[in-house]
Protein backbone atom coordinates (compact mmCIF):
# COMPACT_ATOMS: atom_id res chain seq x y z
CA MET A 1 11.37 50.70 51.71
CA LYS A 2 10.86 53.31 48.99
CA ASP A 3 14.35 54.68 49.55
CA GLN A 4 15.88 51.25 48.74
CA ARG A 5 14.35 50.87 45.27
CA PRO A 6 17.02 52.90 43.39
CA ILE A 7 19.70 50.79 45.06
CA VAL A 8 18.04 47.52 43.96
CA ILE A 9 17.73 48.79 40.40
CA LEU A 10 21.37 49.85 40.34
CA ILE A 11 22.48 46.45 41.66
CA PHE A 12 20.39 44.68 39.02
CA ILE A 13 21.86 46.83 36.22
CA PHE A 14 25.34 46.21 37.57
CA LEU A 15 24.88 42.42 37.62
CA VAL A 16 23.45 42.34 34.10
CA SER A 17 26.36 44.44 32.87
CA ILE A 18 28.86 42.08 34.49
CA VAL A 19 27.20 39.06 32.79
CA LEU A 20 27.24 40.76 29.41
CA LEU A 21 30.88 41.81 29.79
CA ILE A 22 31.91 38.28 30.76
CA ARG A 23 30.01 36.84 27.80
CA LEU A 24 31.62 39.38 25.44
CA PHE A 25 35.05 38.55 26.84
CA MET A 26 34.45 34.82 26.24
CA ILE A 27 33.31 35.41 22.68
CA GLN A 28 36.10 37.83 21.69
CA VAL A 29 39.07 36.53 23.64
CA VAL A 30 38.63 33.01 25.02
CA ASP A 31 36.58 31.23 22.32
CA ASP A 32 37.77 32.09 18.80
CA SER A 33 35.16 29.88 17.12
CA PHE A 34 32.70 32.74 16.81
CA MET A 35 35.35 34.96 15.24
CA LYS A 36 36.15 32.24 12.73
CA ARG A 37 32.48 31.74 12.06
CA ALA A 38 32.03 35.46 11.41
CA GLU A 39 35.07 35.56 9.17
CA SER A 40 34.21 32.47 7.22
CA ASN A 41 30.45 32.97 7.23
CA ALA A 42 29.35 29.39 8.01
CA ILE A 43 29.96 26.14 9.85
CA GLN A 44 28.52 23.20 8.00
CA ARG A 45 27.42 20.04 9.79
CA ILE A 46 28.07 17.12 7.46
CA VAL A 47 26.62 13.72 8.24
CA ASP A 48 29.12 10.96 7.45
CA HIS A 49 26.98 8.08 6.20
CA PRO A 50 28.52 4.66 6.87
CA TYR A 51 28.93 1.92 4.30
CA ARG A 52 26.32 -0.78 4.67
CA GLY A 53 27.56 -4.22 5.54
CA LEU A 54 28.37 -6.58 2.68
CA VAL A 55 26.40 -9.77 2.05
CA TYR A 56 28.09 -13.04 1.10
CA ASP A 57 26.73 -16.43 0.14
CA ARG A 58 27.36 -19.51 2.30
CA ASN A 59 30.63 -20.19 0.46
CA GLY A 60 32.04 -16.69 0.83
CA LYS A 61 31.04 -15.42 -2.61
CA LEU A 62 29.99 -11.77 -2.70
CA LEU A 63 26.27 -11.20 -3.25
CA VAL A 64 25.94 -7.49 -2.40
CA PHE A 65 28.48 -4.67 -2.20
CA ASN A 66 28.47 -0.85 -2.17
CA ASN A 67 29.02 1.64 -4.98
CA PRO A 68 29.68 5.31 -4.15
CA ILE A 69 27.25 7.97 -5.33
CA PHE A 70 27.09 11.69 -4.64
CA ASP A 71 24.28 13.98 -3.55
CA VAL A 72 24.49 17.72 -4.23
CA MET A 73 23.44 19.42 -0.98
CA VAL A 74 22.20 23.00 -0.72
CA VAL A 75 21.95 25.55 2.08
CA PRO A 76 19.13 27.72 0.65
CA LYS A 77 20.11 30.95 2.42
CA GLU A 78 23.61 30.82 0.90
CA PHE A 79 22.72 29.44 -2.52
CA LYS A 80 23.24 31.77 -5.45
CA VAL A 81 23.04 30.97 -9.13
CA GLY A 82 23.46 33.52 -11.90
CA ASP A 83 22.94 31.73 -15.19
CA THR A 84 20.19 29.21 -14.50
CA THR A 85 20.40 27.68 -17.98
CA ARG A 86 24.12 26.97 -17.62
CA PHE A 87 23.55 25.50 -14.16
CA CYS A 88 20.85 23.13 -15.43
CA GLU A 89 22.99 22.01 -18.38
CA LEU A 90 25.99 21.43 -16.14
CA PHE A 91 24.11 19.41 -13.51
CA LYS A 92 21.79 17.68 -16.02
CA ILE A 93 18.61 18.87 -14.35
CA SER A 94 15.58 20.67 -15.76
CA LYS A 95 14.65 24.15 -14.61
CA GLU A 96 11.40 22.80 -13.19
CA GLN A 97 13.27 20.15 -11.18
CA LEU A 98 15.68 22.78 -9.87
CA ILE A 99 12.86 25.04 -8.73
CA GLU A 100 10.98 22.16 -7.13
CA SER A 101 14.02 20.83 -5.25
CA TYR A 102 15.15 24.27 -4.13
CA THR A 103 11.66 25.22 -2.95
CA ALA A 104 11.37 21.98 -0.96
CA ALA A 105 14.77 22.61 0.62
CA ARG A 106 13.89 26.19 1.53
CA ASN A 107 10.55 25.13 3.02
CA TYR A 108 12.39 22.58 5.16
CA SER A 109 14.99 25.09 6.39
CA SER A 110 16.79 28.08 4.94
CA VAL A 111 19.93 27.43 6.99
CA LYS A 112 20.10 23.62 7.20
CA PRO A 113 21.43 21.52 4.29
CA SER A 114 18.99 19.62 2.09
CA THR A 115 19.42 17.46 -0.97
CA LEU A 116 19.20 19.42 -4.21
CA ILE A 117 20.25 16.71 -6.71
CA LYS A 118 20.27 13.04 -5.74
CA GLN A 119 22.57 10.18 -6.68
CA ILE A 120 25.09 11.62 -9.12
CA SER A 121 27.33 8.91 -10.56
CA THR A 122 31.09 8.86 -10.13
CA LYS A 123 31.52 9.84 -13.76
CA ASP A 124 29.21 12.87 -13.50
CA PHE A 125 30.76 13.93 -10.20
CA ALA A 126 34.21 14.03 -11.81
CA ARG A 127 32.76 16.29 -14.50
CA ILE A 128 31.12 18.83 -12.16
CA GLN A 129 33.37 18.93 -9.10
CA ASP A 130 35.54 21.81 -10.37
CA PHE A 131 32.46 23.99 -10.94
CA LEU A 132 31.00 23.66 -7.43
CA VAL A 133 33.10 26.63 -6.28
CA ASP A 134 31.05 28.86 -8.58
CA TYR A 135 27.86 28.18 -6.63
CA PRO A 136 27.82 29.30 -2.99
CA GLY A 137 25.70 27.15 -0.68
CA LEU A 138 26.41 23.89 -2.54
CA PHE A 139 28.48 21.00 -1.27
CA ILE A 140 28.76 17.27 -1.93
CA MET A 141 27.67 14.45 0.37
CA THR A 142 28.99 10.97 -0.42
CA ARG A 143 26.64 8.02 -0.05
CA SER A 144 26.55 4.51 -1.40
CA VAL A 145 24.08 2.37 -3.29
CA ARG A 146 23.90 -1.40 -3.44
CA SER A 147 25.31 -3.37 -6.33
CA TYR A 148 24.78 -7.04 -7.19
CA PRO A 149 27.69 -8.61 -9.11
CA ASN A 150 25.68 -11.61 -10.28
CA SER A 151 22.21 -10.05 -10.52
CA THR A 152 20.69 -12.91 -8.53
CA ALA A 153 18.45 -13.59 -5.51
CA GLY A 154 16.66 -10.25 -5.66
CA HIS A 155 13.67 -11.42 -3.63
CA ALA A 156 15.79 -12.95 -0.87
CA LEU A 157 18.32 -10.13 -0.59
CA GLY A 158 15.85 -7.28 -1.00
CA TYR A 159 16.64 -3.66 -1.84
CA ILE A 160 17.15 -0.32 -0.16
CA GLY A 161 15.47 3.00 -0.85
CA GLU A 162 14.79 6.43 0.60
CA ILE A 163 13.00 6.40 3.93
CA ASN A 164 9.38 7.56 3.84
CA ALA A 165 7.37 9.68 6.25
CA GLY A 166 5.74 6.70 7.93
CA GLN A 167 9.06 5.04 8.65
CA LEU A 168 10.43 8.30 10.06
CA GLU A 169 7.48 8.52 12.45
CA ARG A 170 8.10 4.95 13.65
CA ASP A 171 11.79 5.67 14.26
CA THR A 172 11.53 6.13 18.03
CA LEU A 173 15.32 6.31 18.41
CA LYS A 174 15.44 9.21 15.91
CA TYR A 175 18.37 7.63 14.10
CA TYR A 176 17.12 8.43 10.60
CA SER A 177 16.65 11.75 8.85
CA GLN A 178 14.79 12.74 5.73
CA GLY A 179 16.68 11.47 2.69
CA ASP A 180 18.32 8.51 4.44
CA TYR A 181 18.31 5.11 2.77
CA VAL A 182 16.96 2.02 4.53
CA GLY A 183 16.26 -1.60 3.72
CA LEU A 184 12.79 -1.91 2.19
CA SER A 185 12.51 -5.66 1.58
CA GLY A 186 14.21 -9.01 2.03
CA MET A 187 17.32 -9.39 4.17
CA GLU A 188 18.09 -5.69 3.68
CA ARG A 189 14.98 -4.83 5.67
CA TYR A 190 15.02 -7.61 8.26
CA TYR A 191 18.67 -7.04 9.15
CA GLU A 192 18.62 -3.25 8.77
CA ASN A 193 20.06 -2.67 12.26
CA GLU A 194 23.03 -4.93 11.57
CA LEU A 195 23.70 -3.70 8.03
CA ARG A 196 23.24 0.04 8.44
CA GLY A 197 26.24 0.80 10.66
CA ARG A 198 26.44 4.05 12.66
CA LYS A 199 26.51 7.60 11.31
CA GLY A 200 29.34 10.01 11.97
CA VAL A 201 29.33 13.81 11.93
CA LYS A 202 31.90 16.30 10.65
CA TYR A 203 31.90 20.06 11.14
CA LYS A 204 33.76 22.17 8.62
CA MET A 205 34.31 25.86 7.95
CA VAL A 206 33.37 27.34 4.59
CA ASN A 207 33.76 30.90 3.37
CA VAL A 208 31.15 33.05 1.67
CA ARG A 209 31.94 31.38 -1.64
CA GLY A 210 31.37 27.93 -0.19
CA ILE A 211 35.05 27.01 -0.30
CA ASP A 212 36.09 24.46 2.30
CA LYS A 213 38.37 26.12 4.84
CA GLY A 214 39.04 23.01 6.90
CA PRO A 215 37.52 21.32 9.96
CA PHE A 216 35.93 23.34 12.72
CA LYS A 217 38.22 23.44 15.78
CA ASP A 218 40.52 20.89 14.14
CA GLY A 219 37.81 18.24 14.20
CA GLU A 220 37.34 18.35 17.97
CA TYR A 221 33.62 17.70 17.64
CA ASP A 222 33.79 15.26 14.71
CA THR A 223 32.74 11.63 15.11
CA ALA A 224 33.69 8.87 12.69
CA SER A 225 31.09 6.68 11.05
CA ILE A 226 31.16 2.93 11.70
CA ALA A 227 30.50 0.59 8.77
CA GLY A 228 27.67 -1.92 9.01
CA LYS A 229 28.27 -5.53 9.91
CA ASN A 230 28.91 -8.01 7.12
CA ILE A 231 26.42 -10.84 6.79
CA THR A 232 26.95 -14.36 5.51
CA SER A 233 23.74 -15.64 3.96
CA THR A 234 22.70 -19.28 3.81
CA ILE A 235 22.14 -18.95 0.06
CA ASP A 236 24.30 -21.04 -2.27
CA MET A 237 24.85 -18.60 -5.13
CA ASP A 238 25.63 -21.26 -7.74
CA LEU A 239 22.49 -23.23 -6.86
CA GLN A 240 20.40 -20.04 -6.79
CA MET A 241 21.61 -18.97 -10.23
CA TYR A 242 21.07 -22.43 -11.69
CA GLY A 243 17.52 -22.53 -10.33
CA GLU A 244 16.78 -19.11 -11.78
CA MET A 245 18.01 -20.34 -15.15
CA LEU A 246 15.66 -23.35 -14.98
CA MET A 247 12.68 -21.18 -13.95
CA ALA A 248 13.24 -18.48 -16.56
CA GLY A 249 10.03 -17.80 -18.46
CA LYS A 250 7.91 -19.69 -15.92
CA THR A 251 5.73 -18.71 -12.99
CA GLY A 252 6.26 -20.38 -9.64
CA SER A 253 8.89 -20.91 -7.00
CA VAL A 254 11.70 -23.12 -5.78
CA VAL A 255 12.82 -23.36 -2.15
CA ALA A 256 15.73 -25.58 -1.10
CA ILE A 257 16.65 -26.13 2.56
CA GLU A 258 19.45 -27.92 4.38
CA PRO A 259 17.36 -30.23 6.62
CA GLY A 260 19.86 -30.47 9.46
CA SER A 261 20.00 -26.72 10.04
CA GLY A 262 16.99 -25.05 8.41
CA GLU A 263 19.36 -22.96 6.28
CA ILE A 264 17.80 -21.91 2.97
CA LEU A 265 20.06 -22.90 0.09
CA ALA A 266 17.99 -21.32 -2.66
CA MET A 267 14.85 -19.19 -2.77
CA ILE A 268 13.57 -18.52 -6.24
CA SER A 269 10.47 -16.57 -7.17
CA ALA A 270 9.60 -16.61 -10.86
CA PRO A 271 9.34 -14.34 -12.67
CA PHE A 272 12.29 -12.63 -11.01
CA TYR A 273 14.09 -9.34 -11.65
CA ASP A 274 17.62 -7.99 -11.76
CA PRO A 275 18.14 -6.34 -8.34
CA ASN A 276 20.55 -3.85 -9.93
CA VAL A 277 17.61 -2.02 -11.53
CA LEU A 278 16.40 -1.01 -8.05
CA THR A 279 19.52 1.02 -7.28
CA GLY A 280 20.68 4.51 -8.14
CA ALA A 281 18.85 7.48 -9.56
CA ASP A 282 16.42 5.39 -11.64
CA PHE A 283 15.04 3.49 -8.64
CA SER A 284 11.60 5.13 -8.68
CA LYS A 285 11.15 4.80 -12.44
CA ASN A 286 12.24 1.15 -12.51
CA TYR A 287 10.16 0.29 -9.45
CA ARG A 288 7.03 1.65 -11.14
CA VAL A 289 7.74 -0.46 -14.22
CA LEU A 290 8.20 -3.63 -12.15
CA ASN A 291 5.22 -2.88 -9.94
CA ASN A 292 2.94 -2.38 -12.96
CA ASP A 293 4.16 -5.51 -14.75
CA PRO A 294 1.17 -7.92 -14.96
CA SER A 295 3.47 -10.89 -14.32
CA LYS A 296 4.21 -9.43 -10.85
CA PRO A 297 7.99 -9.90 -10.67
CA LEU A 298 8.10 -8.10 -7.29
CA PHE A 299 5.69 -10.60 -5.75
CA ASN A 300 7.70 -12.93 -3.51
CA ARG A 301 5.98 -16.22 -4.27
CA PRO A 302 7.95 -18.52 -1.92
CA ILE A 303 6.57 -16.69 1.12
CA MET A 304 3.53 -14.80 -0.18
CA ALA A 305 1.79 -17.13 -2.64
CA THR A 306 -0.57 -19.71 -1.17
CA TYR A 307 -1.75 -22.81 -2.95
CA PRO A 308 -3.47 -26.10 -2.16
CA PRO A 309 -0.63 -28.54 -1.40
CA GLY A 310 -2.20 -31.32 -3.43
CA SER A 311 -1.00 -34.88 -3.03
CA ILE A 312 2.13 -34.03 -1.07
CA PHE A 313 -0.20 -33.54 1.90
CA LYS A 314 -0.99 -37.26 1.83
CA ILE A 315 2.32 -37.81 3.63
CA VAL A 316 1.12 -35.64 6.53
CA GLN A 317 -2.17 -37.56 6.62
CA SER A 318 -0.26 -40.86 6.72
CA LEU A 319 1.95 -39.77 9.62
CA ILE A 320 -0.94 -38.45 11.73
CA ALA A 321 -2.90 -41.65 11.19
CA LEU A 322 0.11 -43.84 12.01
CA GLN A 323 0.79 -41.89 15.20
CA GLU A 324 -2.85 -42.14 16.28
CA GLY A 325 -3.04 -45.86 15.55
CA ILE A 326 -5.73 -45.31 12.92
CA LEU A 327 -3.61 -46.61 10.06
CA PHE A 328 -0.98 -49.36 10.04
CA PRO A 329 1.44 -50.35 7.28
CA GLU A 330 -0.84 -53.24 6.34
CA THR A 331 -4.06 -51.17 6.31
CA THR A 332 -5.64 -51.70 2.91
CA PHE A 333 -8.40 -49.86 1.04
CA ALA A 334 -9.81 -50.37 -2.40
CA CYS A 335 -9.18 -47.70 -5.02
CA ASN A 336 -12.89 -46.88 -5.25
CA LYS A 337 -13.13 -44.21 -7.92
CA SER A 338 -16.78 -43.60 -7.12
CA LEU A 339 -15.53 -41.78 -4.01
CA VAL A 340 -12.99 -39.56 -5.77
CA ALA A 341 -11.18 -39.68 -9.11
CA CYS A 342 -7.85 -41.50 -9.36
CA HIS A 343 -5.44 -42.70 -12.02
CA ASN A 344 -4.90 -46.36 -12.86
CA HIS A 345 -2.69 -48.39 -10.54
CA PRO A 346 -2.76 -51.78 -8.76
CA ASN A 347 -5.89 -52.25 -6.62
CA PRO A 348 -6.37 -52.52 -3.66
CA VAL A 349 -3.36 -50.90 -1.95
CA ASN A 350 -1.83 -50.82 1.51
CA LEU A 351 -0.28 -47.67 2.99
CA PHE A 352 3.02 -48.12 1.16
CA GLY A 353 1.18 -48.56 -2.12
CA ALA A 354 -1.08 -45.61 -1.44
CA ILE A 355 1.93 -43.32 -1.07
CA ARG A 356 3.80 -44.84 -4.00
CA ASN A 357 0.80 -44.57 -6.33
CA SER A 358 -0.74 -41.45 -4.78
CA CYS A 359 -4.13 -43.13 -4.41
CA ASN A 360 -6.88 -40.57 -3.84
CA PRO A 361 -9.65 -43.01 -2.71
CA TYR A 362 -7.29 -44.51 -0.12
CA TYR A 363 -6.89 -41.13 1.59
CA HIS A 364 -10.58 -40.35 1.23
CA GLN A 365 -11.31 -43.41 3.35
CA ALA A 366 -8.37 -42.94 5.71
CA PHE A 367 -9.27 -39.30 6.40
CA ARG A 368 -12.84 -40.31 7.21
CA GLN A 369 -11.48 -42.59 9.94
CA ILE A 370 -9.24 -39.79 11.27
CA ILE A 371 -12.13 -37.33 11.43
CA ASN A 372 -15.12 -39.50 12.39
CA GLN A 373 -14.02 -41.56 15.42
CA GLU A 374 -17.50 -41.76 16.98
CA VAL A 375 -16.55 -39.74 20.04
CA SER A 376 -20.03 -38.23 19.88
CA SER A 377 -23.41 -39.73 19.02
CA ASN A 378 -24.13 -36.63 16.93
CA THR A 379 -22.60 -37.10 13.45
CA PHE A 380 -22.19 -33.37 12.90
CA LYS A 381 -20.59 -32.88 16.32
CA ASP A 382 -18.35 -35.89 15.79
CA THR A 383 -17.01 -34.39 12.57
CA GLU A 384 -16.43 -31.04 14.26
CA ILE A 385 -14.48 -32.60 17.15
CA GLY A 386 -12.46 -34.77 14.77
CA LEU A 387 -11.60 -31.87 12.46
CA ASN A 388 -10.38 -29.65 15.30
CA SER A 389 -8.28 -32.46 16.77
CA TRP A 390 -6.78 -33.21 13.34
CA ARG A 391 -6.07 -29.51 12.75
CA GLU A 392 -4.05 -29.22 15.97
CA LYS A 393 -1.82 -32.05 14.79
CA VAL A 394 -1.38 -30.50 11.34
CA LEU A 395 -0.36 -27.14 12.82
CA LYS A 396 2.65 -28.82 14.47
CA PHE A 397 4.06 -29.39 10.97
CA GLY A 398 4.52 -25.64 10.59
CA LEU A 399 1.33 -25.19 8.56
CA GLY A 400 -1.54 -22.77 9.14
CA GLY A 401 0.70 -19.93 10.30
CA SER A 402 3.96 -18.22 9.38
CA LEU A 403 7.10 -20.22 10.13
CA GLY A 404 9.12 -17.21 11.32
CA LEU A 405 11.47 -16.73 8.38
CA ASP A 406 13.84 -13.74 8.65
CA MET A 407 11.91 -11.77 6.07
CA ILE A 408 8.97 -9.38 6.38
CA GLY A 409 5.73 -10.36 4.63
CA GLU A 410 5.66 -14.14 5.14
CA LYS A 411 2.14 -15.53 4.79
CA GLY A 412 0.90 -18.42 6.89
CA GLY A 413 -1.49 -20.20 4.55
CA ASP A 414 -4.60 -21.76 6.07
CA ILE A 415 -5.67 -25.01 7.68
CA PRO A 416 -9.45 -24.60 8.10
CA SER A 417 -11.09 -25.12 11.48
CA SER A 418 -14.68 -25.89 12.43
CA ARG A 419 -15.28 -22.15 12.91
CA TYR A 420 -14.62 -21.60 9.22
CA TYR A 421 -17.23 -24.17 8.14
CA ASP A 422 -19.69 -22.87 10.74
CA ARG A 423 -19.43 -19.45 9.11
CA VAL A 424 -19.86 -20.83 5.60
CA TYR A 425 -22.53 -23.51 6.14
CA GLY A 426 -23.97 -22.75 9.55
CA GLU A 427 -23.26 -24.44 12.87
CA GLY A 428 -24.15 -28.13 12.81
CA ARG A 429 -24.91 -28.06 9.08
CA TRP A 430 -21.76 -29.65 7.67
CA LYS A 431 -20.11 -33.07 7.96
CA TYR A 432 -17.39 -35.23 6.43
CA SER A 433 -18.88 -35.14 2.95
CA THR A 434 -18.45 -31.34 3.09
CA ILE A 435 -14.72 -31.44 3.84
CA TYR A 436 -13.43 -34.66 2.25
CA SER A 437 -11.34 -32.71 -0.31
CA LEU A 438 -8.96 -31.92 2.57
CA SER A 439 -7.99 -35.60 2.52
CA ILE A 440 -5.90 -35.09 -0.62
CA GLY A 441 -4.65 -31.56 0.06
CA GLN A 442 -7.36 -29.70 -1.82
CA GLY A 443 -10.35 -27.61 -0.83
CA GLU A 444 -9.84 -24.76 1.61
CA MET A 445 -6.34 -25.81 2.65
CA LEU A 446 -3.54 -23.41 1.60
CA VAL A 447 0.23 -23.55 2.11
CA THR A 448 3.21 -21.54 0.90
CA PRO A 449 6.13 -22.98 -1.10
CA LEU A 450 8.36 -22.31 1.90
CA GLN A 451 6.10 -24.49 4.05
CA MET A 452 6.24 -27.21 1.39
CA ALA A 453 10.03 -27.22 1.49
CA ASN A 454 9.88 -27.32 5.28
CA LEU A 455 7.63 -30.40 5.05
CA ALA A 456 10.30 -32.08 2.94
CA ALA A 457 12.85 -31.22 5.65
CA ILE A 458 10.57 -32.75 8.32
CA PHE A 459 10.26 -35.98 6.34
CA ALA A 460 14.05 -36.03 5.89
CA ASN A 461 14.69 -35.42 9.61
CA LYS A 462 12.12 -38.00 10.75
CA GLY A 463 9.97 -35.64 12.74
CA TYR A 464 11.54 -32.27 13.43
CA TYR A 465 12.64 -29.08 11.72
CA TYR A 466 14.63 -25.94 12.36
CA THR A 467 12.84 -22.73 11.43
CA PRO A 468 13.96 -21.87 7.87
CA HIS A 469 16.25 -18.85 7.72
CA LEU A 470 18.56 -16.87 5.43
CA ILE A 471 21.21 -15.81 7.96
CA LYS A 472 24.29 -17.97 8.60
CA GLU A 473 26.76 -15.60 10.29
CA VAL A 474 27.04 -11.95 11.36
CA ASP A 475 30.59 -10.58 11.06
CA GLY A 476 31.87 -14.13 10.87
CA ASP A 477 30.20 -15.19 14.13
CA PRO A 478 27.45 -17.84 13.82
CA THR A 479 26.39 -17.27 17.45
CA LEU A 480 25.05 -13.80 16.55
CA ILE A 481 22.15 -15.13 14.48
CA PRO A 482 18.72 -15.04 16.21
CA GLY A 483 18.38 -17.85 18.74
CA LYS A 484 15.05 -19.08 17.36
CA TYR A 485 16.87 -20.47 14.34
CA GLN A 486 18.82 -22.90 16.51
CA ILE A 487 15.80 -24.48 18.22
CA LYS A 488 14.61 -27.92 17.14
CA ASN A 489 10.84 -28.00 16.53
CA ASP A 490 9.26 -31.41 17.11
CA VAL A 491 6.11 -32.24 15.13
CA GLY A 492 4.78 -34.89 17.52
CA ILE A 493 5.32 -37.96 15.32
CA ASP A 494 7.53 -40.85 16.47
CA ALA A 495 10.65 -41.30 14.34
CA LYS A 496 9.82 -44.98 13.69
CA HIS A 497 6.85 -44.01 11.53
CA PHE A 498 9.09 -42.23 9.03
CA ASP A 499 10.90 -45.37 7.88
CA LEU A 500 7.93 -46.56 5.83
CA ILE A 501 7.28 -43.02 4.63
CA GLN A 502 10.84 -42.51 3.37
CA ASP A 503 10.90 -45.90 1.63
CA ALA A 504 7.56 -45.21 -0.06
CA MET A 505 8.68 -41.73 -1.15
CA ALA A 506 11.79 -43.24 -2.74
CA GLU A 507 9.63 -45.73 -4.63
CA ALA A 508 7.13 -43.02 -5.56
CA LEU A 509 9.56 -41.57 -8.07
CA TYR A 510 9.29 -44.74 -10.13
CA GLY A 511 5.50 -44.56 -9.94
CA THR A 512 4.72 -40.89 -10.55
CA ALA A 513 8.01 -39.07 -11.24
CA ASN A 514 10.42 -41.37 -13.06
CA ARG A 515 12.01 -38.35 -14.76
CA ALA A 516 13.43 -37.41 -11.37
CA VAL A 517 15.19 -40.76 -10.85
CA MET A 518 18.98 -40.46 -10.70
CA LYS A 519 21.61 -43.13 -11.10
CA ASP A 520 23.55 -43.89 -7.89
CA LEU A 521 21.60 -41.31 -5.88
CA VAL A 522 18.37 -42.18 -4.08
CA ILE A 523 15.87 -39.32 -3.99
CA ALA A 524 12.76 -39.56 -1.82
CA GLY A 525 9.96 -37.46 -3.22
CA LYS A 526 6.25 -36.91 -3.71
CA THR A 527 4.44 -35.38 -6.63
CA GLY A 528 1.34 -33.23 -6.48
CA THR A 529 -1.01 -31.80 -9.06
CA ALA A 530 -2.88 -28.92 -7.48
CA GLN A 531 -6.22 -28.12 -9.03
CA ASN A 532 -6.53 -24.67 -10.56
CA PRO A 533 -10.03 -23.42 -11.43
CA HIS A 534 -8.55 -20.63 -13.58
CA GLY A 535 -6.61 -22.78 -16.04
CA GLU A 536 -4.13 -25.63 -16.22
CA ASP A 537 -3.32 -27.34 -12.94
CA HIS A 538 -0.18 -26.48 -11.02
CA SER A 539 2.79 -28.87 -10.92
CA VAL A 540 4.08 -29.63 -7.41
CA PHE A 541 6.97 -31.75 -6.15
CA ILE A 542 8.80 -32.07 -2.85
CA ALA A 543 11.86 -34.22 -2.19
CA PHE A 544 14.96 -34.77 -0.12
CA ALA A 545 18.27 -36.46 -0.92
CA PRO A 546 20.23 -38.56 -0.39
CA LYS A 547 17.51 -40.64 1.23
CA ASP A 548 19.69 -42.15 3.97
CA ASN A 549 21.72 -39.01 4.74
CA PRO A 550 19.69 -36.01 3.59
CA LYS A 551 21.65 -32.87 2.64
CA ILE A 552 18.95 -31.03 0.74
CA ALA A 553 15.16 -30.77 0.96
CA ILE A 554 13.34 -29.02 -1.85
CA ALA A 555 9.91 -27.89 -2.99
CA VAL A 556 9.13 -26.84 -6.55
CA TYR A 557 5.87 -25.24 -7.63
CA VAL A 558 5.33 -24.43 -11.30
CA GLU A 559 2.04 -22.74 -12.08
CA ASN A 560 -0.11 -23.96 -14.98
CA ALA A 561 2.36 -26.75 -15.80
CA GLY A 562 0.08 -29.73 -15.19
CA TRP A 563 1.18 -33.01 -13.71
CA GLY A 564 3.68 -32.82 -10.85
CA GLY A 565 5.88 -35.56 -12.26
CA ARG A 566 6.86 -33.37 -15.21
CA ALA A 567 7.80 -29.74 -14.58
CA ALA A 568 8.24 -29.73 -10.81
CA ALA A 569 9.89 -33.13 -10.39
CA SER A 570 12.30 -32.57 -13.27
CA THR A 571 13.33 -29.16 -11.94
CA ALA A 572 13.83 -30.50 -8.41
CA SER A 573 15.90 -33.44 -9.62
CA LEU A 574 18.25 -31.16 -11.54
CA MET A 575 18.59 -28.82 -8.56
CA ILE A 576 19.45 -31.75 -6.29
CA GLU A 577 22.08 -32.99 -8.72
CA LYS A 578 23.57 -29.51 -9.06
CA TYR A 579 23.87 -29.10 -5.31
CA LEU A 580 25.17 -32.56 -4.44
CA ARG A 581 27.41 -33.19 -7.45
CA GLY A 582 28.25 -29.73 -8.73
CA ASP A 583 27.38 -30.42 -12.36
CA ILE A 584 24.63 -31.91 -14.52
CA SER A 585 24.89 -35.34 -16.12
CA ARG A 586 21.46 -35.26 -17.82
CA PRO A 587 21.53 -32.52 -20.45
CA ALA A 588 18.39 -33.88 -22.12
CA LEU A 589 16.39 -33.39 -18.91
CA GLN A 590 17.78 -29.89 -18.55
CA ASP A 591 16.77 -29.07 -22.12
CA TYR A 592 13.29 -30.44 -21.38
CA VAL A 593 12.89 -28.11 -18.37
CA LEU A 594 14.29 -25.10 -20.20
CA ALA A 595 11.90 -25.65 -23.13
CA GLY A 596 8.93 -25.55 -20.74
CA ASN A 597 6.51 -27.54 -22.90
CA PHE A 598 5.10 -29.51 -19.98
CA ILE A 599 1.45 -29.71 -20.97
CA TYR A 600 1.99 -31.33 -24.36
């Protein structure tokens, strides 16, 4: 066995030599890529970022498009700069910024490209492009930023920005890299996968001076980027812009929905902002300014703000009581102001009159009958059972939880249950007198403006709704939108009960919102004045029109504007006219809304 060891060693050396010779032959003769790499010093891998999909309004008008920008990329190992002062002047960057960016790039990788200077404009790129050859290790990567031709619908459309560390960690598919841009809010975030497209990759040869020597292996390994899909939004740009004009200088929201589809026609959060300021190199600076603004222009009120619904909730109470056989059209109660405050109107009133005149004592008494039905001999237990049963019926109206809008951050409001009052007052220690404020949409009940608009759509549709949404088509195909937006949601109320409700809502305008009345167009609506312990009450109004063939349902909420028949009803009426007729025939009403003097 000992005598065979030298032979084994020789065989091993021989085999290793053969492998090395074959490898050397492949490198020097068969595959010339290594020779080219040695001659030219580097192969650069360039990511080809796709253009994001465009966004259009429901009528084909462009809402969002792309503008090219340029990032200066650096390969730290190859980067050389002689005159630092000249470099900083040329590229409009401070010495401190240069050192910081270069250090970060080198810490990431000395041989992989990193961003040295972000988002150079087209104008600045034209100025510097001829000087890039003087700086080895630099090259340009083309990207795009969003641009908004009409500076509208910022909250609905959203914005894009550089991906953060947390988002990179959640990217299980490893699609994104440091420095990529992603949707951060609105439709840009929700439909990121559709809008982002697919990256491509190009490999190119560069010499020691960084000069492009052409594609590696004639582009054999290159892949082309694929642009993102275009999206058609449900937004009506003209209506959106008109609503923003009416809400300028105010705080609140407007949401308009097409009842027959759930498509959102307008979504206005006031105060609003120009979405163009959240693009380009000044994104971070402008975001800080907006984020620190005490008026909170980044706060998306239609889906994030929650308020007591006020008197508009009386319609929901009426429908539940009609369905349960607790109220009938002829049911009459006295307007007993010792129960709860009310304004002057004919007394007593039946159900039609209660809706028309928004009678608080009527609903105080009606709600007591809904809640306390004597299903238990224990008064406290009876109230608990009644409240929980009532709550289940209210939830079917899309209240007490998020509706499922195609936008991240939607709040659900709150419809209190017995568990809530048990926590606050103790189990068995509360009864109807504790919760009666719910009868008129006050107390612990909270809804969002989006939910209010959805209520208007339910009243228009006589008992059902489609989940509100902002997407109409993807690449021209309406079948590509999420299926949940094509499902009819029934609220559990027979259609016959809505006839009285719609008639009373049409008459209600003459009782509490005569400013909203339009000639030759019947609007069905309901005012609300939501109590505000911090100042003037909030003005609330919901409506749909035309009454007999509804095309638009709307909710308007104007904070600190007082009575609902003034600010909110006037704004809603103008929005309805704009959408259905295309122009405004009541300039005096428009001037009244624009002036904003609603309290006086």
